[in-house]
Amino acid sequence: MSFESRHLRFERPDPPPPEDPRETEQEPVSTFRSPVVVGEIVPEPTALIQVPAILARMEGITAADRAMAVILGQRALALVSIDSDDDEVLAGDLIDALGAHQALLDRKVRPFADLAFKLHRGLTGFLGQATQELVAGLGHLRPMLARRLKAKQDAEEARQREEQARARKAEQDRLLAEAVHAEAVGESPETVQQIVRDAESVPPPPVAARPITQVQGAGTRDNWKAEVTDKRALILHVADRLKADDDSLLNLLVVDTTTATQLARAQKSTMKIPGLRAINDVAFTKRRT
């Protein structure tokens, strides 16, 4: 029995009835039916992998080592300056002890961490392979349907505005005609002017909204994004704002520290770039004996 027959059952859509030319043309309705997925239930991860037991074991393994790590770390932090040869020897011994204890903890915990990493990487890769077609399908349909719904929403809003404008103009015309009639029958100028003012301040009447989609629960939301169309123009504009003592756009520019560090390593003390400084942050090294 194949995987599909054991895990998936697809319902075939019923064939559409024969077309009757006498019927009026209607909007096509999809006959696609979602497949019914029948699969085995995956147990809870803790039933397959005893994560709490592993973590408890790690706590037991590292309890005493953790106390030693605290002691060594506090001794190192208590040494605030190295001003003599004795301080230098003490610092060197502490570095050896700290490194050795770190390596000890790494040997105890690393096999479990590596196993967890391999499991995470394997399952993540499996999930990506299992769902790549689904992700591609969602990435294809969602934006396309969103654009369709947005266009229909814009058309509906335009229809409402036009209908409101027509209704408002009809009411204004009615009031202006009433003002003309009032003036013709001899009403006071104040009354006529009041009717004219009422016509000018007619509010847009409410308009009933129409549904814009047949997809249940579907809708759209604004998702504005910025797109860099001219990097040079952007930098020059930010520079102009900075010259005018306006720092509001400074965060748009991000310094590539990796490239800056590469320049510092290559040029060393000869690097002369305004706003950057080459720093020789000396690192400690020690050969193993």
C-alpha atoms as a PDB file:
ATOM      1  CA  MET A   1       0.000   0.000   0.000  1.00  0.00           C
ATOM      2  CA  SER A   2       1.431   3.353  -1.015  1.00  0.00           C
ATOM      3  CA  PHE A   3       2.003   6.322   1.302  1.00  0.00           C
ATOM      4  CA  GLU A   4      -0.779   8.260  -0.364  1.00  0.00           C
ATOM      5  CA  SER A   5      -3.313   5.483   0.092  1.00  0.00           C
ATOM      6  CA  ARG A   6      -2.409   5.120   3.755  1.00  0.00           C
ATOM      7  CA  HIS A   7      -2.366   8.812   4.637  1.00  0.00           C
ATOM      8  CA  LEU A   8      -4.366  10.794   2.107  1.00  0.00           C
ATOM      9  CA  ARG A   9      -7.783  10.377   0.625  1.00  0.00           C
ATOM     10  CA  PHE A  10      -8.768  12.802  -2.121  1.00  0.00           C
ATOM     11  CA  GLU A  11     -12.425  13.356  -2.863  1.00  0.00           C
ATOM     12  CA  ARG A  12     -13.055  13.774  -6.563  1.00  0.00           C
ATOM     13  CA  PRO A  13     -15.383  16.658  -7.373  1.00  0.00           C
ATOM     14  CA  ASP A  14     -18.746  15.688  -8.741  1.00  0.00           C
ATOM     15  CA  PRO A  15     -18.958  16.262 -12.502  1.00  0.00           C
ATOM     16  CA  PRO A  16     -20.826  19.464 -13.329  1.00  0.00           C
ATOM     17  CA  PRO A  17     -24.319  19.054 -14.788  1.00  0.00           C
ATOM     18  CA  PRO A  18     -24.684  19.575 -18.541  1.00  0.00           C
ATOM     19  CA  GLU A  19     -25.011  23.195 -19.527  1.00  0.00           C
ATOM     20  CA  ASP A  20     -28.467  24.417 -20.472  1.00  0.00           C
ATOM     21  CA  PRO A  21     -28.184  27.132 -23.129  1.00  0.00           C
ATOM     22  CA  ARG A  22     -31.506  28.517 -21.968  1.00  0.00           C
ATOM     23  CA  GLU A  23     -30.094  29.392 -18.570  1.00  0.00           C
ATOM     24  CA  THR A  24     -28.727  32.879 -18.076  1.00  0.00           C
ATOM     25  CA  GLU A  25     -24.980  33.251 -17.714  1.00  0.00           C
ATOM     26  CA  GLN A  26     -23.847  33.222 -14.095  1.00  0.00           C
ATOM     27  CA  GLU A  27     -20.544  33.697 -12.305  1.00  0.00           C
ATOM     28  CA  PRO A  28     -18.664  30.366 -12.310  1.00  0.00           C
ATOM     29  CA  VAL A  29     -18.541  28.605  -8.962  1.00  0.00           C
ATOM     30  CA  SER A  30     -15.541  26.457  -8.079  1.00  0.00           C
ATOM     31  CA  THR A  31     -16.229  22.733  -7.763  1.00  0.00           C
ATOM     32  CA  PHE A  32     -12.851  22.023  -6.142  1.00  0.00           C
ATOM     33  CA  ARG A  33     -13.057  20.177  -2.857  1.00  0.00           C
ATOM     34  CA  SER A  34     -10.224  20.202  -0.362  1.00  0.00           C
ATOM     35  CA  PRO A  35      -8.613  16.804   0.099  1.00  0.00           C
ATOM     36  CA  VAL A  36      -9.444  14.981   3.298  1.00  0.00           C
ATOM     37  CA  VAL A  37      -6.193  14.232   5.080  1.00  0.00           C
ATOM     38  CA  VAL A  38      -6.232  11.047   7.123  1.00  0.00           C
ATOM     39  CA  GLY A  39      -2.961  10.394   8.909  1.00  0.00           C
ATOM     40  CA  GLU A  40      -1.547   8.805  12.006  1.00  0.00           C
ATOM     41  CA  ILE A  41      -1.404  11.025  15.072  1.00  0.00           C
ATOM     42  CA  VAL A  42       2.128  12.047  16.010  1.00  0.00           C
ATOM     43  CA  PRO A  43       2.703  11.518  19.749  1.00  0.00           C
ATOM     44  CA  GLU A  44       3.946  14.254  21.998  1.00  0.00           C
ATOM     45  CA  PRO A  45       7.731  14.798  21.675  1.00  0.00           C
ATOM     46  CA  THR A  46       8.206  13.987  25.364  1.00  0.00           C
ATOM     47  CA  ALA A  47       6.826  10.507  24.636  1.00  0.00           C
ATOM     48  CA  LEU A  48       9.579   9.948  22.076  1.00  0.00           C
ATOM     49  CA  ILE A  49      12.417  11.914  23.646  1.00  0.00           C
ATOM     50  CA  GLN A  50      12.644  12.244  27.415  1.00  0.00           C
ATOM     51  CA  VAL A  51      13.629  15.920  27.381  1.00  0.00           C
ATOM     52  CA  PRO A  52      12.877  16.576  31.096  1.00  0.00           C
ATOM     53  CA  ALA A  53      14.975  13.556  32.089  1.00  0.00           C
ATOM     54  CA  ILE A  54      17.867  14.725  29.917  1.00  0.00           C
ATOM     55  CA  LEU A  55      17.736  18.235  31.358  1.00  0.00           C
ATOM     56  CA  ALA A  56      17.559  16.832  34.898  1.00  0.00           C
ATOM     57  CA  ARG A  57      20.620  14.715  34.163  1.00  0.00           C
ATOM     58  CA  MET A  58      22.451  17.762  32.855  1.00  0.00           C
ATOM     59  CA  GLU A  59      21.652  19.639  36.053  1.00  0.00           C
ATOM     60  CA  GLY A  60      23.021  16.728  38.084  1.00  0.00           C
ATOM     61  CA  ILE A  61      26.168  16.498  36.001  1.00  0.00           C
ATOM     62  CA  THR A  62      26.950  20.191  36.155  1.00  0.00           C
ATOM     63  CA  ALA A  63      25.835  21.011  39.715  1.00  0.00           C
ATOM     64  CA  ALA A  64      29.302  20.830  41.293  1.00  0.00           C
ATOM     65  CA  ASP A  65      30.972  22.094  38.131  1.00  0.00           C
ATOM     66  CA  ARG A  66      28.639  25.088  38.132  1.00  0.00           C
ATOM     67  CA  ALA A  67      29.744  25.995  41.645  1.00  0.00           C
ATOM     68  CA  MET A  68      33.384  25.793  40.569  1.00  0.00           C
ATOM     69  CA  ALA A  69      32.603  27.972  37.532  1.00  0.00           C
ATOM     70  CA  VAL A  70      31.141  30.629  39.830  1.00  0.00           C
ATOM     71  CA  ILE A  71      34.218  30.549  42.073  1.00  0.00           C
ATOM     72  CA  LEU A  72      36.684  30.810  39.202  1.00  0.00           C
ATOM     73  CA  GLY A  73      34.681  33.540  37.494  1.00  0.00           C
ATOM     74  CA  GLN A  74      34.484  35.623  40.658  1.00  0.00           C
ATOM     75  CA  ARG A  75      38.227  35.270  41.231  1.00  0.00           C
ATOM     76  CA  ALA A  76      38.896  36.492  37.701  1.00  0.00           C
ATOM     77  CA  LEU A  77      36.502  39.450  38.020  1.00  0.00           C
ATOM     78  CA  ALA A  78      38.048  40.423  41.361  1.00  0.00           C
ATOM     79  CA  LEU A  79      41.344  41.102  39.598  1.00  0.00           C
ATOM     80  CA  VAL A  80      40.661  44.639  38.366  1.00  0.00           C
ATOM     81  CA  SER A  81      44.206  45.523  37.279  1.00  0.00           C
ATOM     82  CA  ILE A  82      47.505  43.809  36.531  1.00  0.00           C
ATOM     83  CA  ASP A  83      50.298  45.978  37.919  1.00  0.00           C
ATOM     84  CA  SER A  84      52.982  43.495  38.957  1.00  0.00           C
ATOM     85  CA  ASP A  85      54.619  40.254  37.867  1.00  0.00           C
ATOM     86  CA  ASP A  86      52.744  38.396  40.613  1.00  0.00           C
ATOM     87  CA  ASP A  87      49.437  39.737  39.241  1.00  0.00           C
ATOM     88  CA  GLU A  88      50.536  38.663  35.779  1.00  0.00           C
ATOM     89  CA  VAL A  89      51.252  35.101  36.948  1.00  0.00           C
ATOM     90  CA  LEU A  90      47.934  34.998  38.841  1.00  0.00           C
ATOM     91  CA  ALA A  91      46.042  36.144  35.756  1.00  0.00           C
ATOM     92  CA  GLY A  92      47.779  33.534  33.622  1.00  0.00           C
ATOM     93  CA  ASP A  93      46.922  30.770  36.103  1.00  0.00           C
ATOM     94  CA  LEU A  94      43.295  31.927  36.230  1.00  0.00           C
ATOM     95  CA  ILE A  95      43.101  31.915  32.441  1.00  0.00           C
ATOM     96  CA  ASP A  96      44.377  28.323  32.412  1.00  0.00           C
ATOM     97  CA  ALA A  97      41.885  27.268  35.089  1.00  0.00           C
ATOM     98  CA  LEU A  98      38.978  29.015  33.420  1.00  0.00           C
ATOM     99  CA  GLY A  99      39.782  27.498  30.032  1.00  0.00           C
ATOM    100  CA  ALA A 100      40.273  24.013  31.453  1.00  0.00           C
ATOM    101  CA  HIS A 101      36.986  24.113  33.359  1.00  0.00           C
ATOM    102  CA  GLN A 102      35.164  25.409  30.311  1.00  0.00           C
ATOM    103  CA  ALA A 103      36.587  22.517  28.277  1.00  0.00           C
ATOM    104  CA  LEU A 104      35.491  20.055  30.992  1.00  0.00           C
ATOM    105  CA  LEU A 105      31.908  21.310  30.914  1.00  0.00           C
ATOM    106  CA  ASP A 106      31.956  21.261  27.122  1.00  0.00           C
ATOM    107  CA  ARG A 107      33.024  17.588  27.084  1.00  0.00           C
ATOM    108  CA  LYS A 108      30.180  16.681  29.451  1.00  0.00           C
ATOM    109  CA  VAL A 109      27.390  18.590  27.757  1.00  0.00           C
ATOM    110  CA  ARG A 110      28.507  18.837  24.127  1.00  0.00           C
ATOM    111  CA  PRO A 111      27.421  15.296  23.085  1.00  0.00           C
ATOM    112  CA  PHE A 112      23.852  16.017  24.159  1.00  0.00           C
ATOM    113  CA  ALA A 113      23.912  19.447  22.528  1.00  0.00           C
ATOM    114  CA  ASP A 114      25.266  17.954  19.293  1.00  0.00           C
ATOM    115  CA  LEU A 115      22.556  15.294  19.329  1.00  0.00           C
ATOM    116  CA  ALA A 116      19.889  17.960  19.838  1.00  0.00           C
ATOM    117  CA  PHE A 117      21.380  20.012  17.002  1.00  0.00           C
ATOM    118  CA  LYS A 118      21.416  17.028  14.636  1.00  0.00           C
ATOM    119  CA  LEU A 119      17.826  16.207  15.542  1.00  0.00           C
ATOM    120  CA  HIS A 120      16.757  19.828  15.052  1.00  0.00           C
ATOM    121  CA  ARG A 121      18.560  20.088  11.728  1.00  0.00           C
ATOM    122  CA  GLY A 122      17.203  16.767  10.506  1.00  0.00           C
ATOM    123  CA  LEU A 123      13.600  17.489  11.481  1.00  0.00           C
ATOM    124  CA  THR A 124      13.771  21.038  10.151  1.00  0.00           C
ATOM    125  CA  GLY A 125      15.087  19.747   6.839  1.00  0.00           C
ATOM    126  CA  PHE A 126      12.402  17.066   6.714  1.00  0.00           C
ATOM    127  CA  LEU A 127       9.713  19.625   7.467  1.00  0.00           C
ATOM    128  CA  GLY A 128      11.026  21.908   4.739  1.00  0.00           C
ATOM    129  CA  GLN A 129      11.031  19.109   2.179  1.00  0.00           C
ATOM    130  CA  ALA A 130       7.601  17.874   3.244  1.00  0.00           C
ATOM    131  CA  THR A 131       6.006  21.301   3.010  1.00  0.00           C
ATOM    132  CA  GLN A 132       7.907  22.997   0.185  1.00  0.00           C
ATOM    133  CA  GLU A 133       5.049  22.568  -2.291  1.00  0.00           C
ATOM    134  CA  LEU A 134       2.575  23.858   0.289  1.00  0.00           C
ATOM    135  CA  VAL A 135       4.729  26.907   0.989  1.00  0.00           C
ATOM    136  CA  ALA A 136       5.123  27.544  -2.734  1.00  0.00           C
ATOM    137  CA  GLY A 137       1.356  27.225  -3.260  1.00  0.00           C
ATOM    138  CA  LEU A 138       0.566  29.597  -0.407  1.00  0.00           C
ATOM    139  CA  GLY A 139       3.182  32.065  -1.607  1.00  0.00           C
ATOM    140  CA  HIS A 140       1.633  31.979  -5.065  1.00  0.00           C
ATOM    141  CA  LEU A 141      -2.062  32.191  -4.184  1.00  0.00           C
ATOM    142  CA  ARG A 142      -2.100  34.548  -1.196  1.00  0.00           C
ATOM    143  CA  PRO A 143      -0.583  37.618  -2.923  1.00  0.00           C
ATOM    144  CA  MET A 144      -2.632  37.000  -6.057  1.00  0.00           C
ATOM    145  CA  LEU A 145      -5.898  36.746  -4.115  1.00  0.00           C
ATOM    146  CA  ALA A 146      -4.902  39.739  -1.969  1.00  0.00           C
ATOM    147  CA  ARG A 147      -4.426  41.871  -5.096  1.00  0.00           C
ATOM    148  CA  ARG A 148      -7.783  40.686  -6.411  1.00  0.00           C
ATOM    149  CA  LEU A 149      -9.573  41.538  -3.146  1.00  0.00           C
ATOM    150  CA  LYS A 150      -7.771  44.896  -2.910  1.00  0.00           C
ATOM    151  CA  ALA A 151      -8.904  45.820  -6.419  1.00  0.00           C
ATOM    152  CA  LYS A 152     -12.493  44.853  -5.584  1.00  0.00           C
ATOM    153  CA  GLN A 153     -12.306  46.774  -2.309  1.00  0.00           C
ATOM    154  CA  ASP A 154     -11.018  49.885  -4.099  1.00  0.00           C
ATOM    155  CA  ALA A 155     -13.823  49.552  -6.653  1.00  0.00           C
ATOM    156  CA  GLU A 156     -16.402  49.219  -3.885  1.00  0.00           C
ATOM    157  CA  GLU A 157     -15.067  52.301  -2.091  1.00  0.00           C
ATOM    158  CA  ALA A 158     -15.157  54.248  -5.367  1.00  0.00           C
ATOM    159  CA  ARG A 159     -18.754  53.123  -5.932  1.00  0.00           C
ATOM    160  CA  GLN A 160     -19.728  54.292  -2.447  1.00  0.00           C
ATOM    161  CA  ARG A 161     -18.090  57.673  -2.995  1.00  0.00           C
ATOM    162  CA  GLU A 162     -19.864  58.129  -6.324  1.00  0.00           C
ATOM    163  CA  GLU A 163     -23.211  57.101  -4.855  1.00  0.00           C
ATOM    164  CA  GLN A 164     -22.720  59.453  -1.928  1.00  0.00           C
ATOM    165  CA  ALA A 165     -21.803  62.285  -4.282  1.00  0.00           C
ATOM    166  CA  ARG A 166     -24.908  61.675  -6.399  1.00  0.00           C
ATOM    167  CA  ALA A 167     -27.174  61.499  -3.346  1.00  0.00           C
ATOM    168  CA  ARG A 168     -25.633  64.649  -1.862  1.00  0.00           C
ATOM    169  CA  LYS A 169     -25.993  66.540  -5.123  1.00  0.00           C
ATOM    170  CA  ALA A 170     -29.627  65.426  -5.434  1.00  0.00           C
ATOM    171  CA  GLU A 171     -30.350  66.744  -1.934  1.00  0.00           C
ATOM    172  CA  GLN A 172     -28.533  70.001  -2.688  1.00  0.00           C
ATOM    173  CA  ASP A 173     -30.505  70.443  -5.908  1.00  0.00           C
ATOM    174  CA  ARG A 174     -33.727  69.828  -3.987  1.00  0.00           C
ATOM    175  CA  LEU A 175     -32.851  72.441  -1.363  1.00  0.00           C
ATOM    176  CA  LEU A 176     -31.764  74.988  -3.978  1.00  0.00           C
ATOM    177  CA  ALA A 177     -35.021  74.448  -5.841  1.00  0.00           C
ATOM    178  CA  GLU A 178     -36.794  74.970  -2.534  1.00  0.00           C
ATOM    179  CA  ALA A 179     -34.859  78.219  -2.038  1.00  0.00           C
ATOM    180  CA  VAL A 180     -35.872  79.420  -5.511  1.00  0.00           C
ATOM    181  CA  HIS A 181     -39.492  78.557  -4.770  1.00  0.00           C
ATOM    182  CA  ALA A 182     -39.343  80.303  -1.382  1.00  0.00           C
ATOM    183  CA  GLU A 183     -37.966  83.428  -3.007  1.00  0.00           C
ATOM    184  CA  ALA A 184     -40.650  83.274  -5.723  1.00  0.00           C
ATOM    185  CA  VAL A 185     -43.495  83.075  -3.205  1.00  0.00           C
ATOM    186  CA  GLY A 186     -42.131  85.995  -1.226  1.00  0.00           C
ATOM    187  CA  GLU A 187     -40.342  84.392   1.696  1.00  0.00           C
ATOM    188  CA  SER A 188     -37.932  86.613   3.613  1.00  0.00           C
ATOM    189  CA  PRO A 189     -34.321  86.869   2.409  1.00  0.00           C
ATOM    190  CA  GLU A 190     -33.171  85.364   5.708  1.00  0.00           C
ATOM    191  CA  THR A 191     -35.265  82.249   5.104  1.00  0.00           C
ATOM    192  CA  VAL A 192     -33.970  81.900   1.565  1.00  0.00           C
ATOM    193  CA  GLN A 193     -30.354  82.325   2.687  1.00  0.00           C
ATOM    194  CA  GLN A 194     -30.833  79.739   5.412  1.00  0.00           C
ATOM    195  CA  ILE A 195     -32.097  77.202   2.856  1.00  0.00           C
ATOM    196  CA  VAL A 196     -29.066  77.962   0.644  1.00  0.00           C
ATOM    197  CA  ARG A 197     -26.706  77.454   3.602  1.00  0.00           C
ATOM    198  CA  ASP A 198     -28.428  74.170   4.395  1.00  0.00           C
ATOM    199  CA  ALA A 199     -27.837  73.084   0.800  1.00  0.00           C
ATOM    200  CA  GLU A 200     -24.137  73.950   1.001  1.00  0.00           C
ATOM    201  CA  SER A 201     -23.636  71.956   4.241  1.00  0.00           C
ATOM    202  CA  VAL A 202     -25.459  68.779   3.281  1.00  0.00           C
ATOM    203  CA  PRO A 203     -23.423  65.874   4.762  1.00  0.00           C
ATOM    204  CA  PRO A 204     -22.623  62.818   2.634  1.00  0.00           C
ATOM    205  CA  PRO A 205     -25.438  60.319   3.216  1.00  0.00           C
ATOM    206  CA  PRO A 206     -24.627  56.776   4.397  1.00  0.00           C
ATOM    207  CA  VAL A 207     -24.326  54.151   1.690  1.00  0.00           C
ATOM    208  CA  ALA A 208     -24.875  50.437   2.231  1.00  0.00           C
ATOM    209  CA  ALA A 209     -21.704  48.412   1.676  1.00  0.00           C
ATOM    210  CA  ARG A 210     -21.695  45.369  -0.540  1.00  0.00           C
ATOM    211  CA  PRO A 211     -19.710  42.171   0.100  1.00  0.00           C
ATOM    212  CA  ILE A 212     -16.512  42.132  -1.925  1.00  0.00           C
ATOM    213  CA  THR A 213     -15.575  38.448  -1.794  1.00  0.00           C
ATOM    214  CA  GLN A 214     -17.090  34.991  -1.890  1.00  0.00           C
ATOM    215  CA  VAL A 215     -14.186  33.482   0.096  1.00  0.00           C
ATOM    216  CA  GLN A 216     -15.346  33.020   3.662  1.00  0.00           C
ATOM    217  CA  GLY A 217     -13.219  34.887   6.182  1.00  0.00           C
ATOM    218  CA  ALA A 218     -10.922  36.363   3.521  1.00  0.00           C
ATOM    219  CA  GLY A 219      -9.837  39.967   3.631  1.00  0.00           C
ATOM    220  CA  THR A 220      -6.853  42.247   3.250  1.00  0.00           C
ATOM    221  CA  ARG A 221      -4.727  44.445   5.466  1.00  0.00           C
ATOM    222  CA  ASP A 222      -2.283  47.198   4.620  1.00  0.00           C
ATOM    223  CA  ASN A 223       1.330  46.047   4.505  1.00  0.00           C
ATOM    224  CA  TRP A 224       3.454  49.043   3.555  1.00  0.00           C
ATOM    225  CA  LYS A 225       7.122  48.453   2.800  1.00  0.00           C
ATOM    226  CA  ALA A 226      10.045  50.640   1.778  1.00  0.00           C
ATOM    227  CA  GLU A 227      11.971  49.859  -1.382  1.00  0.00           C
ATOM    228  CA  VAL A 228      15.362  51.399  -2.092  1.00  0.00           C
ATOM    229  CA  THR A 229      15.302  52.676  -5.644  1.00  0.00           C
ATOM    230  CA  ASP A 230      18.418  54.880  -5.567  1.00  0.00           C
ATOM    231  CA  LYS A 231      20.934  54.274  -2.769  1.00  0.00           C
ATOM    232  CA  ARG A 232      23.085  57.244  -3.749  1.00  0.00           C
ATOM    233  CA  ALA A 233      20.117  59.635  -3.750  1.00  0.00           C
ATOM    234  CA  LEU A 234      19.060  58.346  -0.331  1.00  0.00           C
ATOM    235  CA  ILE A 235      22.519  58.909   1.162  1.00  0.00           C
ATOM    236  CA  LEU A 236      22.755  62.402  -0.302  1.00  0.00           C
ATOM    237  CA  HIS A 237      19.322  63.301   1.064  1.00  0.00           C
ATOM    238  CA  VAL A 238      20.268  62.082   4.551  1.00  0.00           C
ATOM    239  CA  ALA A 239      23.500  64.080   4.270  1.00  0.00           C
ATOM    240  CA  ASP A 240      21.522  67.218   3.382  1.00  0.00           C
ATOM    241  CA  ARG A 241      19.267  66.710   6.401  1.00  0.00           C
ATOM    242  CA  LEU A 242      22.318  66.223   8.635  1.00  0.00           C
ATOM    243  CA  LYS A 243      23.816  69.473   7.324  1.00  0.00           C
ATOM    244  CA  ALA A 244      20.577  71.136   8.398  1.00  0.00           C
ATOM    245  CA  ASP A 245      21.022  69.668  11.938  1.00  0.00           C
ATOM    246  CA  ASP A 246      18.222  67.171  11.352  1.00  0.00           C
ATOM    247  CA  ASP A 247      19.189  63.703  12.628  1.00  0.00           C
ATOM    248  CA  SER A 248      15.729  62.163  12.162  1.00  0.00           C
ATOM    249  CA  LEU A 249      16.809  60.089   9.127  1.00  0.00           C
ATOM    250  CA  LEU A 250      20.239  59.048  10.407  1.00  0.00           C
ATOM    251  CA  ASN A 251      18.988  55.580  11.411  1.00  0.00           C
ATOM    252  CA  LEU A 252      18.281  54.839   7.739  1.00  0.00           C
ATOM    253  CA  LEU A 253      22.023  54.446   7.226  1.00  0.00           C
ATOM    254  CA  VAL A 254      23.694  51.414   8.828  1.00  0.00           C
ATOM    255  CA  VAL A 255      27.492  51.136   8.928  1.00  0.00           C
ATOM    256  CA  ASP A 256      28.802  47.809   7.630  1.00  0.00           C
ATOM    257  CA  THR A 257      31.110  47.024  10.562  1.00  0.00           C
ATOM    258  CA  THR A 258      32.449  43.900   8.822  1.00  0.00           C
ATOM    259  CA  THR A 259      33.725  45.954   5.893  1.00  0.00           C
ATOM    260  CA  ALA A 260      35.019  48.646   8.261  1.00  0.00           C
ATOM    261  CA  THR A 261      36.954  46.038  10.274  1.00  0.00           C
ATOM    262  CA  GLN A 262      38.436  44.596   7.077  1.00  0.00           C
ATOM    263  CA  LEU A 263      39.646  48.068   6.113  1.00  0.00           C
ATOM    264  CA  ALA A 264      41.162  48.546   9.586  1.00  0.00           C
ATOM    265  CA  ARG A 265      43.005  45.234   9.359  1.00  0.00           C
ATOM    266  CA  ALA A 266      44.326  46.098   5.908  1.00  0.00           C
ATOM    267  CA  GLN A 267      45.257  49.750   6.510  1.00  0.00           C
ATOM    268  CA  LYS A 268      45.968  49.625  10.283  1.00  0.00           C
ATOM    269  CA  SER A 269      47.062  53.009  11.636  1.00  0.00           C
ATOM    270  CA  THR A 270      47.050  54.540   8.139  1.00  0.00           C
ATOM    271  CA  MET A 271      43.258  54.288   7.825  1.00  0.00           C
ATOM    272  CA  LYS A 272      41.911  57.819   7.483  1.00  0.00           C
ATOM    273  CA  ILE A 273      38.132  57.794   7.048  1.00  0.00           C
ATOM    274  CA  PRO A 274      36.067  60.521   8.748  1.00  0.00           C
ATOM    275  CA  GLY A 275      33.839  58.943  11.355  1.00  0.00           C
ATOM    276  CA  LEU A 276      35.917  55.742  11.597  1.00  0.00           C
ATOM    277  CA  ARG A 277      38.981  54.979  13.722  1.00  0.00           C
ATOM    278  CA  ALA A 278      41.310  51.986  13.533  1.00  0.00           C
ATOM    279  CA  ILE A 279      41.768  50.465  17.010  1.00  0.00           C
ATOM    280  CA  ASN A 280      44.364  47.817  17.829  1.00  0.00           C
ATOM    281  CA  ASP A 281      42.444  45.739  20.389  1.00  0.00           C
ATOM    282  CA  VAL A 282      45.297  43.464  21.445  1.00  0.00           C
ATOM    283  CA  ALA A 283      44.218  39.881  22.107  1.00  0.00           C
ATOM    284  CA  PHE A 284      45.861  37.473  24.555  1.00  0.00           C
ATOM    285  CA  THR A 285      47.363  34.268  23.146  1.00  0.00           C
ATOM    286  CA  LYS A 286      49.199  31.366  24.748  1.00  0.00           C
ATOM    287  CA  ARG A 287      50.838  28.359  23.189  1.00  0.00           C
ATOM    288  CA  ARG A 288      49.979  25.009  24.671  1.00  0.00           C
ATOM    289  CA  THR A 289      52.847  23.379  26.560  1.00  0.00           C
END
